[in-house]
Amino acid sequence: MSRPPAATAAATGEFLHDLLLDPARHDPGRPAVIEPAAPGGTTVRTYAELARAVDAYATALRALEFEPGTRVLLEAEAGAEAIAVLLACSRAGLTFVPIAPDTPQERLRTLVGTARPALHLQAKTGERTDLPPGLGTARFAAGELVVERTPAATARRRRVPCVTDPAYIVFTSGTTGRPKGVVMSHRAVTAFYRGMLAHHLAAPGDRIAGTSPLHFDFSLLTIGLALASGAAVVPVPQRAVRWPRRFLRALHDTGATHVNGVPSIWRQVLRHEPDRLAGLATLRQVLFCGEEFPLPELRRLQELRPGMRIVNCYGATESMAASFEDVPDPLPADLERLSIGTAHPGAEMILVDEAGGVVDGPGAHGEILLRSPALFTGYWDDPEATRAALVPDPLCPQSGQRVLRTGDLAVRGENGELYFLGRTDSQVQINGNRVELGEVERRLLQHPAATAAAVLRQPSPEGGSCLAAFVVLAPDSLRSDTATTNSATAAEPAAPDQDIAPLLRAFCARTLPSYMVPAEVRVVHALPLTANGKADRAALAASLTEPEGAAR
């Protein structure tokens, strides 16, 4: 029996690159990416130039003869070249997996073992060298892709990309102690972008500053909002975001009209550079996501930029986002909580009680379920977690349709809008980054000196939030003259070697990103427990106001 010929028909449907490069057909000379350049200048990439770079990178990637859906690690900052590469991956039918250049080496190895990529891509100036054997490596710059280590040859069973293929996988913190990979298809991503565009958040000629790193899906939201609107992306380097004056200088030099970012990026700006913020003549919109915006800081932002549109974006990585709600201007004096509104066009948020029954009407409390064409496909190589998150539609389980169980609690307002109340699980947001407390606890327990650990979120002295860890050490880790467990209360600090706290923090930093490393580590004799035997986080939180027994 003869083998059928390879498929030659062009793939149909809307892929990620189709939507985001469409402006290149209509207005190729318009700026697509504007980057700050020292001193006081900018580097501009037009849509035509971006499209040419995408074509060049895609041609080089196709030459490697990967089958559709092959994973490619993309380790880079969110700049013009990285945007071209991720769009080239889309055009070549490959799945890009964005990771941060400062990813700890051990965590990178875990990601490689989990995602099983065929290729690691980094900028020509990238510093990553110690990569696992068997992984292909390449560097990119100015539209040229240079392969340093040839990827291993694999069987090519597929030929034609499909819009249901994964466009990308974003790895977040996971409860199992390993990173959790959120798989998003081309169809889901483009459906989300179209729902977002219906809110008229941007227009051709706008310049939208992105402040999130590439591995954070908020960065992909910004890229999609800008390019799908015919606007320009303004990637602000992370080294500038951290310093208020540099941040504002980047916005000024690029003529940014919009800024997307977590609320914490504004904290130091409001505190130290209010006059410069007030003087940004071009800035007319702020969109925030990832955490609640403290109302006093939000009011101060409105005072400095009267009339500026501020948009509260709510959602999870599993759908990129779910709603966009304009913040009242000015904020009412008696306002206690911002509305997250209703789902974007084409999607719907419903509330269910603890038994899974739908609750509705003003004042109804429940967990948010999201029905949307923009839902993720599943968690990479984790069918159990996928089944727990994608559940039958409670309004019509017979249909086989799945909805996202967000784990977020909300209450419905008088006009059908929702107000976020908190989480049902141990997931927290640290300056816009999603963190599973269980993953940090599991890392602490991998240290040979630790026998028990509990982690919780606490306010940071500089504003925002950080993690605090409570650790019980093995008996031989304590000095014998201070091991007085009989007289100690559960959360009373022990008196171990004073070096153990920084050692535990350094141990975490070897595998966890910086925002997941506890800012404070306290050693205790035992963890206080609730009646059902779980760590009493309320008691631990209360003890944080007491004197420390271990170094930070």
Protein backbone atom coordinates (compact mmCIF):
# COMPACT_ATOMS: atom_id res chain seq x y z
CA MET A 1 0.00 0.00 0.00
CA SER A 2 1.53 3.30 -1.08
CA ARG A 3 2.00 6.13 1.37
CA PRO A 4 -0.30 9.11 0.73
CA PRO A 5 1.43 12.29 -0.37
CA ALA A 6 2.16 14.99 2.19
CA ALA A 7 -0.62 17.52 2.60
CA THR A 8 -0.03 20.59 0.51
CA ALA A 9 -3.20 22.57 1.09
CA ALA A 10 -2.74 25.85 2.90
CA ALA A 11 -3.94 25.96 6.47
CA THR A 12 -7.19 27.88 6.92
CA GLY A 13 -8.63 29.83 9.80
CA GLU A 14 -7.32 32.69 11.88
CA PHE A 15 -4.01 32.10 13.59
CA LEU A 16 -2.31 34.38 16.08
CA HIS A 17 -0.03 35.88 13.43
CA ASP A 18 -2.92 36.39 10.99
CA LEU A 19 -4.71 38.75 13.35
CA LEU A 20 -1.70 40.60 14.70
CA LEU A 21 0.01 41.19 11.35
CA ASP A 22 -3.16 42.20 9.50
CA PRO A 23 -2.36 45.96 9.83
CA ALA A 24 0.76 45.35 7.74
CA ARG A 25 -1.54 44.82 4.74
CA HIS A 26 -3.45 48.08 5.25
CA ASP A 27 -0.93 50.57 6.62
CA PRO A 28 2.57 49.05 6.41
CA GLY A 29 4.38 52.29 7.22
CA ARG A 30 2.66 52.74 10.59
CA PRO A 31 4.83 52.12 13.71
CA ALA A 32 4.31 48.64 15.16
CA VAL A 33 6.94 48.56 17.92
CA ILE A 34 8.53 51.61 19.54
CA GLU A 35 11.36 50.99 22.00
CA PRO A 36 13.11 53.53 24.24
CA ALA A 37 16.75 54.08 23.32
CA ALA A 38 19.38 56.00 25.28
CA PRO A 39 19.75 58.86 25.58
CA GLY A 40 16.23 60.14 25.08
CA GLY A 41 15.62 58.54 21.70
CA THR A 42 13.53 55.71 20.32
CA THR A 43 13.87 52.79 17.93
CA VAL A 44 10.85 52.35 15.65
CA ARG A 45 9.86 49.18 13.80
CA THR A 46 7.05 49.65 11.25
CA TYR A 47 4.45 47.01 10.47
CA ALA A 48 6.19 46.31 7.16
CA GLU A 49 9.53 45.85 8.90
CA LEU A 50 7.96 43.65 11.56
CA ALA A 51 6.30 41.50 8.88
CA ARG A 52 9.62 41.08 7.05
CA ALA A 53 11.37 40.01 10.26
CA VAL A 54 8.57 37.52 10.97
CA ASP A 55 8.91 36.07 7.46
CA ALA A 56 12.69 35.71 7.84
CA TYR A 57 12.47 34.00 11.23
CA ALA A 58 9.59 31.77 10.08
CA THR A 59 11.59 30.65 7.04
CA ALA A 60 14.53 29.69 9.28
CA LEU A 61 12.25 27.82 11.68
CA ARG A 62 10.53 25.91 8.87
CA ALA A 63 13.93 24.79 7.62
CA LEU A 64 14.31 22.81 10.86
CA GLU A 65 11.38 20.63 9.71
CA PHE A 66 9.54 20.47 13.01
CA GLU A 67 6.03 19.10 12.95
CA PRO A 68 3.17 21.43 13.91
CA GLY A 69 2.82 21.94 17.65
CA THR A 70 6.50 21.41 18.45
CA ARG A 71 7.46 23.44 21.54
CA VAL A 72 10.08 26.17 21.35
CA LEU A 73 11.43 27.88 24.47
CA LEU A 74 11.64 31.63 23.92
CA GLU A 75 13.91 33.22 26.51
CA ALA A 76 13.92 36.96 25.98
CA GLU A 77 12.78 40.37 27.09
CA ALA A 78 9.63 41.71 25.44
CA GLY A 79 11.23 43.69 22.60
CA ALA A 80 10.70 44.04 18.86
CA GLU A 81 12.84 41.02 17.97
CA ALA A 82 11.15 38.76 20.54
CA ILE A 83 7.72 39.83 19.25
CA ALA A 84 8.84 38.99 15.70
CA VAL A 85 10.09 35.58 16.85
CA LEU A 86 6.90 34.63 18.67
CA LEU A 87 4.85 35.61 15.61
CA ALA A 88 7.26 33.59 13.47
CA CYS A 89 6.66 30.57 15.69
CA SER A 90 2.95 31.03 15.04
CA ARG A 91 3.50 31.29 11.28
CA ALA A 92 5.73 28.19 11.30
CA GLY A 93 3.11 26.19 13.24
CA LEU A 94 5.22 25.98 16.40
CA THR A 95 4.21 26.50 20.04
CA PHE A 96 6.26 29.12 21.85
CA VAL A 97 6.93 28.83 25.57
CA PRO A 98 8.09 32.20 26.94
CA ILE A 99 10.51 32.16 29.88
CA ALA A 100 12.37 34.92 31.68
CA PRO A 101 16.12 35.45 31.15
CA ASP A 102 16.58 35.37 34.94
CA THR A 103 14.86 31.99 35.34
CA PRO A 104 16.91 29.92 37.83
CA GLN A 105 18.87 27.13 36.17
CA GLU A 106 17.14 24.35 38.10
CA ARG A 107 13.71 25.71 37.23
CA LEU A 108 14.71 25.90 33.57
CA ARG A 109 15.69 22.24 33.66
CA THR A 110 12.32 21.42 35.20
CA LEU A 111 10.55 23.33 32.42
CA VAL A 112 12.60 21.52 29.77
CA GLY A 113 11.77 18.16 31.34
CA THR A 114 8.07 19.06 31.52
CA ALA A 115 7.46 20.78 28.17
CA ARG A 116 10.00 18.68 26.22
CA PRO A 117 10.86 21.46 23.76
CA ALA A 118 12.90 20.79 20.65
CA LEU A 119 14.59 24.19 20.57
CA HIS A 120 15.76 26.95 22.91
CA LEU A 121 15.75 30.43 21.40
CA GLN A 122 17.41 33.48 22.91
CA ALA A 123 18.65 36.84 21.72
CA LYS A 124 22.15 37.10 20.31
CA THR A 125 23.19 38.86 23.51
CA GLY A 126 21.54 36.24 25.76
CA GLU A 127 23.66 34.81 28.56
CA ARG A 128 22.17 31.32 28.92
CA THR A 129 24.82 28.71 28.09
CA ASP A 130 24.41 25.67 30.36
CA LEU A 131 21.47 24.06 28.59
CA PRO A 132 20.51 20.38 28.85
CA PRO A 133 22.05 18.07 26.24
CA GLY A 134 19.73 17.06 23.44
CA LEU A 135 18.01 20.44 23.35
CA GLY A 136 18.56 22.38 20.15
CA THR A 137 19.77 25.95 20.63
CA ALA A 138 19.69 29.06 18.48
CA ARG A 139 20.12 32.81 18.76
CA PHE A 140 18.25 35.56 16.96
CA ALA A 141 18.99 39.15 15.96
CA ALA A 142 17.96 41.50 13.13
CA GLY A 143 15.82 38.88 11.42
CA GLU A 144 18.56 36.26 11.38
CA LEU A 145 18.34 32.96 13.25
CA VAL A 146 21.65 31.22 13.95
CA VAL A 147 21.43 27.58 15.06
CA GLU A 148 24.21 26.70 17.51
CA ARG A 149 23.17 23.17 18.40
CA THR A 150 21.10 21.27 15.84
CA PRO A 151 17.83 19.92 17.26
CA ALA A 152 17.44 16.17 17.40
CA ALA A 153 15.65 14.69 14.40
CA THR A 154 12.10 13.53 15.13
CA ALA A 155 9.38 11.80 13.14
CA ARG A 156 7.13 14.27 11.35
CA ARG A 157 3.64 12.79 11.62
CA ARG A 158 1.76 16.04 10.96
CA ARG A 159 2.11 18.55 8.13
CA VAL A 160 -0.67 21.12 8.37
CA PRO A 161 -1.13 23.49 11.33
CA CYS A 162 -4.62 23.89 12.78
CA VAL A 163 -6.19 26.77 14.73
CA THR A 164 -6.87 24.37 17.59
CA ASP A 165 -3.12 23.75 17.94
CA PRO A 166 -1.42 25.36 20.93
CA ALA A 167 -0.21 28.86 20.10
CA TYR A 168 1.72 29.11 23.34
CA ILE A 169 2.16 27.59 26.79
CA VAL A 170 2.61 29.89 29.78
CA PHE A 171 3.98 28.23 32.89
CA THR A 172 2.67 29.50 36.23
CA SER A 173 3.07 28.39 39.81
CA GLY A 174 1.47 24.99 40.49
CA THR A 175 0.04 23.29 43.58
CA THR A 176 1.86 20.02 42.84
CA GLY A 177 5.26 21.58 43.38
CA ARG A 178 6.06 21.80 39.68
CA PRO A 179 5.22 24.64 37.27
CA LYS A 180 1.76 24.41 35.69
CA GLY A 181 1.61 24.89 31.92
CA VAL A 182 -1.45 26.73 30.60
CA VAL A 183 -2.02 25.68 26.97
CA MET A 184 -3.73 28.31 24.78
CA SER A 185 -4.81 27.52 21.22
CA HIS A 186 -4.75 29.98 18.33
CA ARG A 187 -8.55 29.89 18.26
CA ALA A 188 -8.81 30.73 21.96
CA VAL A 189 -6.28 33.56 21.81
CA THR A 190 -7.80 35.24 18.77
CA ALA A 191 -11.30 34.87 20.27
CA PHE A 192 -10.07 36.66 23.37
CA TYR A 193 -8.42 39.42 21.37
CA ARG A 194 -11.64 40.03 19.44
CA GLY A 195 -13.67 40.16 22.66
CA MET A 196 -11.16 42.64 24.07
CA LEU A 197 -11.22 44.80 20.95
CA ALA A 198 -14.96 45.26 21.35
CA HIS A 199 -14.23 47.50 24.35
CA HIS A 200 -12.49 50.05 22.08
CA LEU A 201 -9.43 50.15 24.31
CA ALA A 202 -7.08 51.24 21.52
CA ALA A 203 -7.05 52.66 17.99
CA PRO A 204 -4.54 53.05 15.14
CA GLY A 205 -1.85 55.51 16.11
CA ASP A 206 -1.97 54.77 19.83
CA ARG A 207 1.22 53.79 21.62
CA ILE A 208 0.62 51.14 24.27
CA ALA A 209 3.34 50.65 26.85
CA GLY A 210 3.72 47.13 28.18
CA THR A 211 5.42 46.77 31.56
CA SER A 212 5.17 43.01 32.10
CA PRO A 213 7.88 40.49 31.20
CA LEU A 214 7.27 38.28 28.19
CA HIS A 215 6.62 35.13 30.24
CA PHE A 216 3.70 36.85 31.99
CA ASP A 217 0.56 36.52 29.87
CA PHE A 218 -0.30 40.18 30.56
CA SER A 219 2.53 40.96 28.13
CA LEU A 220 0.78 38.91 25.44
CA LEU A 221 -2.46 40.77 26.19
CA THR A 222 -0.67 44.08 25.57
CA ILE A 223 0.97 42.88 22.36
CA GLY A 224 -2.37 41.63 21.07
CA LEU A 225 -4.25 44.78 22.04
CA ALA A 226 -1.73 46.99 20.29
CA LEU A 227 -1.10 45.06 17.08
CA ALA A 228 -4.69 43.92 16.55
CA SER A 229 -5.75 47.58 16.88
CA GLY A 230 -3.15 48.89 14.44
CA ALA A 231 -1.43 50.65 17.34
CA ALA A 232 2.20 50.39 18.42
CA VAL A 233 3.60 48.26 21.24
CA VAL A 234 5.97 50.12 23.56
CA PRO A 235 7.91 47.43 25.49
CA VAL A 236 9.32 49.09 28.60
CA PRO A 237 12.49 47.28 29.77
CA GLN A 238 12.18 45.69 33.19
CA ARG A 239 15.21 47.64 34.39
CA ALA A 240 13.26 50.84 33.70
CA VAL A 241 9.94 49.68 35.22
CA ARG A 242 11.62 49.23 38.60
CA TRP A 243 12.82 52.86 38.81
CA PRO A 244 10.15 55.60 38.78
CA ARG A 245 12.18 58.25 36.96
CA ARG A 246 13.46 55.83 34.32
CA PHE A 247 9.96 54.48 33.86
CA LEU A 248 8.47 57.92 33.29
CA ARG A 249 11.34 58.89 31.01
CA ALA A 250 10.63 55.84 28.85
CA LEU A 251 6.95 56.82 28.64
CA HIS A 252 7.88 60.40 27.78
CA ASP A 253 10.48 59.53 25.14
CA THR A 254 8.22 57.05 23.36
CA GLY A 255 5.14 59.26 23.54
CA ALA A 256 3.16 56.48 25.22
CA THR A 257 -0.59 57.09 25.17
CA HIS A 258 -1.54 53.96 27.15
CA VAL A 259 0.14 52.00 29.91
CA ASN A 260 -0.74 48.40 30.76
CA GLY A 261 0.60 46.92 33.99
CA VAL A 262 -0.03 45.64 37.48
CA PRO A 263 -1.04 48.33 40.00
CA SER A 264 2.26 48.06 41.87
CA ILE A 265 4.18 49.72 38.99
CA TRP A 266 2.55 53.02 39.99
CA ARG A 267 3.30 52.88 43.71
CA GLN A 268 6.80 54.38 43.67
CA VAL A 269 5.85 56.77 40.87
CA LEU A 270 3.02 58.22 42.96
CA ARG A 271 5.28 58.43 45.98
CA HIS A 272 8.43 59.91 44.45
CA GLU A 273 7.63 61.39 41.00
CA PRO A 274 4.07 62.81 41.07
CA ASP A 275 4.98 66.00 39.20
CA ARG A 276 6.64 64.12 36.35
CA LEU A 277 3.63 61.83 36.10
CA ALA A 278 1.28 64.82 35.97
CA GLY A 279 3.42 66.29 33.18
CA LEU A 280 3.11 63.35 30.77
CA ALA A 281 1.13 65.14 28.09
CA THR A 282 0.42 62.12 25.88
CA LEU A 283 -0.76 59.63 28.53
CA ARG A 284 -4.53 59.16 28.41
CA GLN A 285 -5.27 55.55 29.47
CA VAL A 286 -4.12 53.09 32.13
CA LEU A 287 -5.19 49.45 32.12
CA PHE A 288 -4.34 47.32 35.15
CA CYS A 289 -4.67 43.64 35.92
CA GLY A 290 -3.28 40.95 38.21
CA GLU A 291 -4.18 42.44 41.59
CA GLU A 292 -6.47 44.94 43.23
CA PHE A 293 -5.52 48.61 42.92
CA PRO A 294 -5.45 50.19 46.40
CA LEU A 295 -8.16 52.86 46.37
CA PRO A 296 -6.01 55.63 47.95
CA GLU A 297 -3.39 55.15 45.22
CA LEU A 298 -6.07 55.04 42.55
CA ARG A 299 -7.56 58.31 43.81
CA ARG A 300 -4.11 59.89 43.78
CA LEU A 301 -3.58 58.75 40.19
CA GLN A 302 -6.87 60.37 39.19
CA GLU A 303 -5.88 63.59 40.96
CA LEU A 304 -2.64 63.77 38.98
CA ARG A 305 -4.20 62.75 35.66
CA PRO A 306 -7.78 64.07 35.69
CA GLY A 307 -9.93 62.73 32.88
CA MET A 308 -7.61 59.82 32.09
CA ARG A 309 -9.38 56.55 31.32
CA ILE A 310 -8.54 53.81 33.82
CA VAL A 311 -9.64 50.24 33.07
CA ASN A 312 -9.85 47.38 35.56
CA CYS A 313 -9.01 44.14 33.73
CA TYR A 314 -10.01 40.93 35.51
CA GLY A 315 -9.23 37.37 34.56
CA ALA A 316 -6.97 34.37 34.76
CA THR A 317 -4.14 33.02 32.63
CA GLU A 318 -6.52 30.22 31.59
CA SER A 319 -8.51 32.74 29.53
CA MET A 320 -5.97 35.59 29.40
CA ALA A 321 -8.67 37.84 30.89
CA ALA A 322 -12.43 37.83 31.30
CA SER A 323 -13.66 41.40 31.73
CA PHE A 324 -12.74 45.07 31.24
CA GLU A 325 -14.47 47.64 33.42
CA ASP A 326 -13.93 51.39 33.38
CA VAL A 327 -13.10 52.85 36.79
CA PRO A 328 -15.48 55.70 37.81
CA ASP A 329 -13.90 59.13 37.48
CA PRO A 330 -13.77 60.44 40.08
CA LEU A 331 -14.09 57.53 42.48
CA PRO A 332 -17.08 58.00 44.78
CA ALA A 333 -16.01 58.93 48.30
CA ASP A 334 -17.91 55.98 49.80
CA LEU A 335 -16.60 53.38 47.31
CA GLU A 336 -15.17 50.33 49.09
CA ARG A 337 -14.53 47.92 46.22
CA LEU A 338 -14.05 48.21 42.46
CA SER A 339 -16.39 46.42 40.12
CA ILE A 340 -14.96 43.86 37.69
CA GLY A 341 -18.07 44.35 35.56
CA THR A 342 -19.35 41.58 33.30
CA ALA A 343 -17.55 39.33 30.86
CA HIS A 344 -16.25 40.67 27.56
CA PRO A 345 -18.51 40.20 24.49
CA GLY A 346 -18.85 36.54 23.59
CA ALA A 347 -18.22 35.34 27.15
CA GLU A 348 -20.24 35.10 30.36
CA MET A 349 -19.47 34.84 34.07
CA ILE A 350 -21.90 33.01 36.34
CA LEU A 351 -21.81 32.34 40.09
CA VAL A 352 -22.23 28.96 41.79
CA ASP A 353 -22.52 28.06 45.47
CA GLU A 354 -20.48 25.45 47.32
CA ALA A 355 -22.79 22.70 46.06
CA GLY A 356 -22.32 23.81 42.44
CA GLY A 357 -25.76 25.32 42.11
CA VAL A 358 -26.16 28.53 40.13
CA VAL A 359 -26.93 31.63 42.21
CA ASP A 360 -28.12 34.87 40.72
CA GLY A 361 -29.59 38.22 41.54
CA PRO A 362 -28.25 41.22 43.48
CA GLY A 363 -26.28 40.22 46.56
CA ALA A 364 -25.64 36.65 45.39
CA HIS A 365 -22.26 35.27 46.52
CA GLY A 366 -20.42 32.44 44.82
CA GLU A 367 -17.49 31.17 42.82
CA ILE A 368 -17.05 32.57 39.32
CA LEU A 369 -17.42 30.17 36.41
CA LEU A 370 -16.41 31.48 33.00
CA ARG A 371 -18.07 30.40 29.77
CA SER A 372 -15.94 31.64 26.87
CA PRO A 373 -14.56 30.72 23.44
CA ALA A 374 -11.21 31.90 24.80
CA LEU A 375 -10.68 29.15 27.36
CA PHE A 376 -7.39 27.30 27.57
CA THR A 377 -7.16 23.78 26.17
CA GLY A 378 -5.82 22.32 29.40
CA TYR A 379 -2.79 22.12 31.65
CA TRP A 380 0.20 20.63 29.90
CA ASP A 381 0.58 16.93 30.74
CA ASP A 382 -1.78 17.24 33.73
CA PRO A 383 -5.19 15.74 32.91
CA GLU A 384 -6.27 15.62 36.56
CA ALA A 385 -5.76 19.36 37.08
CA THR A 386 -7.43 20.03 33.73
CA ARG A 387 -10.54 18.07 34.75
CA ALA A 388 -10.71 20.03 38.00
CA ALA A 389 -10.56 23.38 36.19
CA LEU A 390 -12.69 22.69 33.10
CA VAL A 391 -16.03 21.49 34.44
CA PRO A 392 -19.44 20.78 32.86
CA ASP A 393 -21.64 23.80 32.23
CA PRO A 394 -24.00 23.78 35.25
CA LEU A 395 -26.79 25.34 33.18
CA CYS A 396 -26.70 22.59 30.57
CA PRO A 397 -24.40 19.70 31.50
CA GLN A 398 -25.95 17.57 28.74
CA SER A 399 -24.23 19.72 26.08
CA GLY A 400 -20.75 18.54 26.94
CA GLN A 401 -19.62 22.18 27.03
CA ARG A 402 -16.94 23.01 29.57
CA VAL A 403 -16.60 26.17 31.63
CA LEU A 404 -13.65 27.43 33.66
CA ARG A 405 -13.84 27.05 37.41
CA THR A 406 -11.83 30.14 38.31
CA GLY A 407 -11.45 29.63 42.06
CA ASP A 408 -12.42 33.30 42.47
CA LEU A 409 -15.23 34.41 44.77
CA ALA A 410 -17.49 37.31 43.89
CA VAL A 411 -20.75 39.03 44.77
CA ARG A 412 -23.23 40.33 42.21
CA GLY A 413 -24.21 44.00 42.27
CA GLU A 414 -27.50 45.73 41.65
CA ASN A 415 -26.94 46.00 37.89
CA GLY A 416 -25.55 42.51 37.32
CA GLU A 417 -21.91 43.53 37.72
CA LEU A 418 -19.53 41.46 39.84
CA TYR A 419 -17.23 42.40 42.71
CA PHE A 420 -14.18 40.23 43.41
CA LEU A 421 -14.02 38.94 47.00
CA GLY A 422 -11.01 36.59 47.13
CA ARG A 423 -9.88 33.05 46.39
CA THR A 424 -11.24 29.63 47.32
CA ASP A 425 -7.79 28.04 47.48
CA SER A 426 -4.20 28.83 48.43
CA GLN A 427 -3.44 30.84 45.31
CA VAL A 428 -2.35 34.44 45.85
CA GLN A 429 -1.15 37.34 43.71
CA ILE A 430 2.28 38.81 44.43
CA ASN A 431 2.60 42.09 42.55
CA GLY A 432 0.53 40.70 39.70
CA ASN A 433 2.21 37.27 39.57
CA ARG A 434 0.12 34.21 40.36
CA VAL A 435 1.65 32.12 43.15
CA GLU A 436 0.51 28.78 44.53
CA LEU A 437 1.58 28.78 48.16
CA GLY A 438 1.89 25.00 48.00
CA GLU A 439 4.70 25.21 45.45
CA VAL A 440 6.77 27.45 47.72
CA GLU A 441 6.04 25.19 50.71
CA ARG A 442 7.14 22.12 48.77
CA ARG A 443 10.38 23.80 47.82
CA LEU A 444 11.11 24.68 51.45
CA LEU A 445 10.45 21.06 52.46
CA GLN A 446 13.05 19.87 49.96
CA HIS A 447 15.70 21.41 52.23
CA PRO A 448 17.11 18.66 54.47
CA ALA A 449 16.74 20.84 57.59
CA ALA A 450 13.01 21.50 57.13
CA THR A 451 10.29 19.17 58.40
CA ALA A 452 7.22 21.42 58.02
CA ALA A 453 6.48 24.71 56.31
CA ALA A 454 3.64 27.16 55.78
CA VAL A 455 3.69 30.20 53.51
CA LEU A 456 1.33 33.17 53.39
CA ARG A 457 1.05 36.56 51.78
CA GLN A 458 1.74 39.70 53.78
CA PRO A 459 1.92 43.42 52.99
CA SER A 460 5.36 44.57 51.90
CA PRO A 461 6.93 47.52 53.77
CA GLU A 462 7.48 49.20 50.40
CA GLY A 463 3.86 48.64 49.37
CA GLY A 464 2.30 45.76 47.51
CA SER A 465 2.73 42.27 48.92
CA CYS A 466 5.35 39.59 49.50
CA LEU A 467 5.61 36.11 50.99
CA ALA A 468 6.39 35.12 54.56
CA ALA A 469 7.40 31.56 55.42
CA PHE A 470 7.21 29.65 58.72
CA VAL A 471 9.50 26.63 58.90
CA VAL A 472 9.90 23.84 61.43
CA LEU A 473 13.39 22.39 61.49
CA ALA A 474 14.60 18.89 62.24
CA PRO A 475 15.78 18.54 65.88
CA ASP A 476 19.44 18.30 64.95
CA SER A 477 19.15 21.63 63.14
CA LEU A 478 18.56 23.45 66.42
CA ARG A 479 21.16 24.27 69.03
CA SER A 480 20.72 21.88 71.91
CA ASP A 481 20.71 24.68 74.49
CA THR A 482 17.68 26.35 72.91
CA ALA A 483 15.51 23.36 72.03
CA THR A 484 12.81 24.06 74.57
CA THR A 485 9.84 22.72 72.69
CA ASN A 486 7.95 21.78 75.86
CA SER A 487 7.53 25.38 76.92
CA ALA A 488 7.14 26.95 73.47
CA THR A 489 3.82 27.81 71.89
CA ALA A 490 3.17 26.59 68.38
CA ALA A 491 4.09 29.79 66.56
CA GLU A 492 6.68 31.02 69.05
CA PRO A 493 10.03 31.54 67.34
CA ALA A 494 12.68 28.92 67.99
CA ALA A 495 16.31 29.95 68.35
CA PRO A 496 18.18 28.14 65.59
CA ASP A 497 21.46 29.01 63.97
CA GLN A 498 20.89 32.57 62.72
CA ASP A 499 22.16 31.63 59.25
CA ILE A 500 19.31 29.22 58.49
CA ALA A 501 16.80 31.87 57.34
CA PRO A 502 18.98 33.37 54.59
CA LEU A 503 20.06 29.85 53.62
CA LEU A 504 16.43 28.83 53.16
CA ARG A 505 15.76 31.94 51.07
CA ALA A 506 18.81 31.20 48.91
CA PHE A 507 17.63 27.60 48.59
CA CYS A 508 14.27 28.82 47.26
CA ALA A 509 15.96 31.25 44.88
CA ARG A 510 17.77 28.38 43.16
CA THR A 511 14.53 27.12 41.59
CA LEU A 512 11.85 29.77 42.11
CA PRO A 513 11.45 33.16 40.43
CA SER A 514 12.22 36.13 42.66
CA TYR A 515 8.59 36.98 43.43
CA MET A 516 8.11 33.47 44.88
CA VAL A 517 11.08 33.67 47.24
CA PRO A 518 9.85 34.48 50.79
CA ALA A 519 10.90 37.96 51.86
CA GLU A 520 10.80 36.76 55.46
CA VAL A 521 11.54 33.34 56.95
CA ARG A 522 10.68 32.55 60.55
CA VAL A 523 11.67 29.33 62.27
CA VAL A 524 9.07 27.97 64.71
CA HIS A 525 8.90 24.90 66.95
CA ALA A 526 5.62 23.76 65.39
CA LEU A 527 2.92 25.06 63.10
CA PRO A 528 -0.37 26.00 64.78
CA LEU A 529 -3.22 23.86 63.47
CA THR A 530 -6.90 24.41 62.86
CA ALA A 531 -9.54 22.00 64.13
CA ASN A 532 -9.32 19.97 60.90
CA GLY A 533 -5.55 19.61 61.18
CA LYS A 534 -4.48 22.20 58.61
CA ALA A 535 -1.93 24.94 59.22
CA ASP A 536 -3.66 27.83 60.98
CA ARG A 537 -2.72 30.66 58.61
CA ALA A 538 -4.71 33.19 60.63
CA ALA A 539 -2.60 32.46 63.73
CA LEU A 540 0.58 32.65 61.69
CA ALA A 541 -0.48 35.96 60.15
CA ALA A 542 -1.19 37.35 63.61
CA SER A 543 2.27 36.30 64.79
CA LEU A 544 3.91 38.43 62.08
CA THR A 545 3.30 41.48 64.23
CA GLU A 546 5.43 39.93 66.99
CA PRO A 547 9.25 40.21 67.18
CA GLU A 548 11.12 37.96 64.79
CA GLY A 549 13.03 34.92 65.93
CA ALA A 550 14.96 34.51 62.71
CA ALA A 551 16.77 36.76 60.30
CA ARG A 552 15.06 37.95 57.17
